[in-house]
């Protein structure tokens, strides 16, 4: 199999680096602040910077891991942001959460969702 020289050079090139940081988070957390690094399939540095800032916005606040039960068999929600309303503290007006797990309870047609919710 033959590959064009420019394309081959691009495939062999080092990864582009994009960094996102927050002075407010650094001041609030100091050395306890988490650092994340990942390799993605994004080809353009601007796209990587946009993604880095998106992740900073998502994970740049204290979060809580919670389990809530919802009606229906909803394993399809894994990996999705959803708005949930419940009588539980923090959910009365609806809370935006990210679903990281789901366990369907078929006998009662309900699903236990494991979610991440921002506290701030």
C-alpha atoms as a PDB file:
ATOM      1  CA  UNK A   1       0.000   0.000   0.000  1.00  0.00           C
ATOM      2  CA  UNK A   2       1.356   3.386  -0.969  1.00  0.00           C
ATOM      3  CA  UNK A   3       0.769   6.624   0.933  1.00  0.00           C
ATOM      4  CA  UNK A   4       1.464  10.141  -0.306  1.00  0.00           C
ATOM      5  CA  UNK A   5       4.589  11.615   1.305  1.00  0.00           C
ATOM      6  CA  UNK A   6       2.794  14.617   2.861  1.00  0.00           C
ATOM      7  CA  UNK A   7       0.076  12.409   4.341  1.00  0.00           C
ATOM      8  CA  UNK A   8       2.668   9.947   5.681  1.00  0.00           C
ATOM      9  CA  UNK A   9       4.638  12.791   7.286  1.00  0.00           C
ATOM     10  CA  UNK A  10       1.455  14.090   8.899  1.00  0.00           C
ATOM     11  CA  UNK A  11       0.652  10.630  10.299  1.00  0.00           C
ATOM     12  CA  UNK A  12       4.152  10.388  11.791  1.00  0.00           C
ATOM     13  CA  UNK A  13       4.164  13.922  13.225  1.00  0.00           C
ATOM     14  CA  UNK A  14       3.966  14.692  16.928  1.00  0.00           C
ATOM     15  CA  UNK A  15       0.616  15.514  18.463  1.00  0.00           C
ATOM     16  CA  UNK A  16      -0.509  19.103  18.665  1.00  0.00           C
ATOM     17  CA  UNK A  17      -0.918  20.344  22.216  1.00  0.00           C
ATOM     18  CA  UNK A  18      -3.807  22.460  23.442  1.00  0.00           C
ATOM     19  CA  UNK A  19      -3.947  23.704  27.007  1.00  0.00           C
ATOM     20  CA  UNK A  20      -6.859  25.196  28.928  1.00  0.00           C
ATOM     21  CA  UNK A  21      -6.452  26.617  32.400  1.00  0.00           C
ATOM     22  CA  UNK A  22      -8.339  28.761  34.852  1.00  0.00           C
ATOM     23  CA  UNK A  23      -6.736  31.186  37.289  1.00  0.00           C
ATOM     24  CA  UNK A  24      -9.868  31.024  39.462  1.00  0.00           C
ATOM     25  CA  UNK A  25      -9.678  27.234  39.707  1.00  0.00           C
ATOM     26  CA  UNK A  26      -5.954  27.312  40.379  1.00  0.00           C
ATOM     27  CA  UNK A  27      -6.513  29.829  43.182  1.00  0.00           C
ATOM     28  CA  UNK A  28      -9.392  27.816  44.651  1.00  0.00           C
ATOM     29  CA  UNK A  29      -7.743  24.378  44.506  1.00  0.00           C
ATOM     30  CA  UNK A  30      -3.994  25.043  44.414  1.00  0.00           C
ATOM     31  CA  UNK A  31      -1.983  21.833  44.225  1.00  0.00           C
ATOM     32  CA  UNK A  32      -5.173  19.769  44.658  1.00  0.00           C
ATOM     33  CA  UNK A  33      -6.485  20.838  41.249  1.00  0.00           C
ATOM     34  CA  UNK A  34      -6.802  17.891  38.890  1.00  0.00           C
ATOM     35  CA  UNK A  35      -4.914  17.876  35.638  1.00  0.00           C
ATOM     36  CA  UNK A  36      -6.329  16.060  32.641  1.00  0.00           C
ATOM     37  CA  UNK A  37      -4.541  15.024  29.490  1.00  0.00           C
ATOM     38  CA  UNK A  38      -5.942  13.112  26.573  1.00  0.00           C
ATOM     39  CA  UNK A  39      -5.189  12.274  22.985  1.00  0.00           C
ATOM     40  CA  UNK A  40      -8.015  12.722  20.530  1.00  0.00           C
ATOM     41  CA  UNK A  41      -8.650  12.382  16.834  1.00  0.00           C
ATOM     42  CA  UNK A  42      -9.036  16.143  16.408  1.00  0.00           C
ATOM     43  CA  UNK A  43      -6.799  17.251  13.541  1.00  0.00           C
ATOM     44  CA  UNK A  44      -6.859  21.024  14.056  1.00  0.00           C
ATOM     45  CA  UNK A  45      -5.340  22.831  17.041  1.00  0.00           C
ATOM     46  CA  UNK A  46      -8.278  25.275  17.205  1.00  0.00           C
ATOM     47  CA  UNK A  47     -10.671  22.328  17.562  1.00  0.00           C
ATOM     48  CA  UNK A  48      -8.487  20.864  20.322  1.00  0.00           C
ATOM     49  CA  UNK A  49      -8.453  24.217  22.154  1.00  0.00           C
ATOM     50  CA  UNK A  50     -12.252  24.391  21.890  1.00  0.00           C
ATOM     51  CA  UNK A  51     -12.507  20.864  23.321  1.00  0.00           C
ATOM     52  CA  UNK A  52     -10.042  21.680  26.127  1.00  0.00           C
ATOM     53  CA  UNK A  53     -12.129  24.702  27.121  1.00  0.00           C
ATOM     54  CA  UNK A  54     -15.331  22.633  26.949  1.00  0.00           C
ATOM     55  CA  UNK A  55     -13.818  20.117  29.334  1.00  0.00           C
ATOM     56  CA  UNK A  56     -12.630  22.881  31.652  1.00  0.00           C
ATOM     57  CA  UNK A  57     -16.178  24.248  31.748  1.00  0.00           C
ATOM     58  CA  UNK A  58     -17.626  20.780  32.410  1.00  0.00           C
ATOM     59  CA  UNK A  59     -15.137  19.592  35.020  1.00  0.00           C
ATOM     60  CA  UNK A  60     -13.993  22.956  36.397  1.00  0.00           C
ATOM     61  CA  UNK A  61     -16.417  22.931  39.310  1.00  0.00           C
ATOM     62  CA  UNK A  62     -17.013  20.614  42.254  1.00  0.00           C
ATOM     63  CA  UNK A  63     -19.139  17.664  41.184  1.00  0.00           C
ATOM     64  CA  UNK A  64     -21.095  15.013  42.996  1.00  0.00           C
ATOM     65  CA  UNK A  65     -21.732  11.427  41.948  1.00  0.00           C
ATOM     66  CA  UNK A  66     -25.369  10.447  42.536  1.00  0.00           C
ATOM     67  CA  UNK A  67     -27.799   7.664  41.687  1.00  0.00           C
ATOM     68  CA  UNK A  68     -31.383   8.515  40.773  1.00  0.00           C
ATOM     69  CA  UNK A  69     -34.204   6.261  39.643  1.00  0.00           C
ATOM     70  CA  UNK A  70     -36.244   7.250  36.579  1.00  0.00           C
ATOM     71  CA  UNK A  71     -39.272   5.777  34.853  1.00  0.00           C
ATOM     72  CA  UNK A  72     -38.709   3.434  31.931  1.00  0.00           C
ATOM     73  CA  UNK A  73     -35.836   1.326  30.692  1.00  0.00           C
ATOM     74  CA  UNK A  74     -33.334   4.072  29.891  1.00  0.00           C
ATOM     75  CA  UNK A  75     -29.922   2.521  29.320  1.00  0.00           C
ATOM     76  CA  UNK A  76     -29.875   4.716  26.181  1.00  0.00           C
ATOM     77  CA  UNK A  77     -29.033   7.732  28.385  1.00  0.00           C
ATOM     78  CA  UNK A  78     -25.475   6.570  29.151  1.00  0.00           C
ATOM     79  CA  UNK A  79     -22.987   9.169  27.970  1.00  0.00           C
ATOM     80  CA  UNK A  80     -25.577  11.902  27.538  1.00  0.00           C
ATOM     81  CA  UNK A  81     -26.293  15.168  29.327  1.00  0.00           C
ATOM     82  CA  UNK A  82     -29.881  15.288  30.566  1.00  0.00           C
ATOM     83  CA  UNK A  83     -32.025  17.498  32.768  1.00  0.00           C
ATOM     84  CA  UNK A  84     -33.648  15.661  35.683  1.00  0.00           C
ATOM     85  CA  UNK A  85     -36.332  16.890  38.067  1.00  0.00           C
ATOM     86  CA  UNK A  86     -36.987  15.245  41.419  1.00  0.00           C
ATOM     87  CA  UNK A  87     -37.987  16.063  44.984  1.00  0.00           C
ATOM     88  CA  UNK A  88     -34.360  15.466  45.970  1.00  0.00           C
ATOM     89  CA  UNK A  89     -32.198  18.444  47.012  1.00  0.00           C
ATOM     90  CA  UNK A  90     -30.759  20.200  43.977  1.00  0.00           C
ATOM     91  CA  UNK A  91     -33.288  18.730  41.538  1.00  0.00           C
ATOM     92  CA  UNK A  92     -36.523  20.617  42.317  1.00  0.00           C
ATOM     93  CA  UNK A  93     -36.068  23.100  39.448  1.00  0.00           C
ATOM     94  CA  UNK A  94     -34.310  20.589  37.229  1.00  0.00           C
ATOM     95  CA  UNK A  95     -30.605  19.820  37.272  1.00  0.00           C
ATOM     96  CA  UNK A  96     -28.352  19.264  34.306  1.00  0.00           C
ATOM     97  CA  UNK A  97     -26.416  16.046  34.829  1.00  0.00           C
ATOM     98  CA  UNK A  98     -24.153  13.774  32.815  1.00  0.00           C
ATOM     99  CA  UNK A  99     -25.191  10.102  32.842  1.00  0.00           C
ATOM    100  CA  UNK A 100     -22.223   7.781  33.382  1.00  0.00           C
ATOM    101  CA  UNK A 101     -24.077   4.574  34.197  1.00  0.00           C
ATOM    102  CA  UNK A 102     -27.483   2.914  34.079  1.00  0.00           C
ATOM    103  CA  UNK A 103     -28.953  -0.242  35.588  1.00  0.00           C
ATOM    104  CA  UNK A 104     -32.362  -1.182  34.314  1.00  0.00           C
ATOM    105  CA  UNK A 105     -34.848  -2.781  36.724  1.00  0.00           C
ATOM    106  CA  UNK A 106     -37.043  -4.606  34.228  1.00  0.00           C
ATOM    107  CA  UNK A 107     -39.525  -5.955  36.780  1.00  0.00           C
ATOM    108  CA  UNK A 108     -40.749  -2.415  37.521  1.00  0.00           C
ATOM    109  CA  UNK A 109     -39.784  -0.679  34.241  1.00  0.00           C
ATOM    110  CA  UNK A 110     -37.412   1.755  35.988  1.00  0.00           C
ATOM    111  CA  UNK A 111     -33.715   2.591  35.624  1.00  0.00           C
ATOM    112  CA  UNK A 112     -31.141   3.583  38.237  1.00  0.00           C
ATOM    113  CA  UNK A 113     -28.987   6.275  36.631  1.00  0.00           C
ATOM    114  CA  UNK A 114     -25.516   7.089  37.940  1.00  0.00           C
ATOM    115  CA  UNK A 115     -24.908  10.767  37.193  1.00  0.00           C
ATOM    116  CA  UNK A 116     -22.389  13.553  37.673  1.00  0.00           C
ATOM    117  CA  UNK A 117     -23.900  16.848  38.820  1.00  0.00           C
ATOM    118  CA  UNK A 118     -22.118  20.162  39.277  1.00  0.00           C
ATOM    119  CA  UNK A 119     -22.455  21.662  42.722  1.00  0.00           C
ATOM    120  CA  UNK A 120     -21.581  25.201  41.643  1.00  0.00           C
END
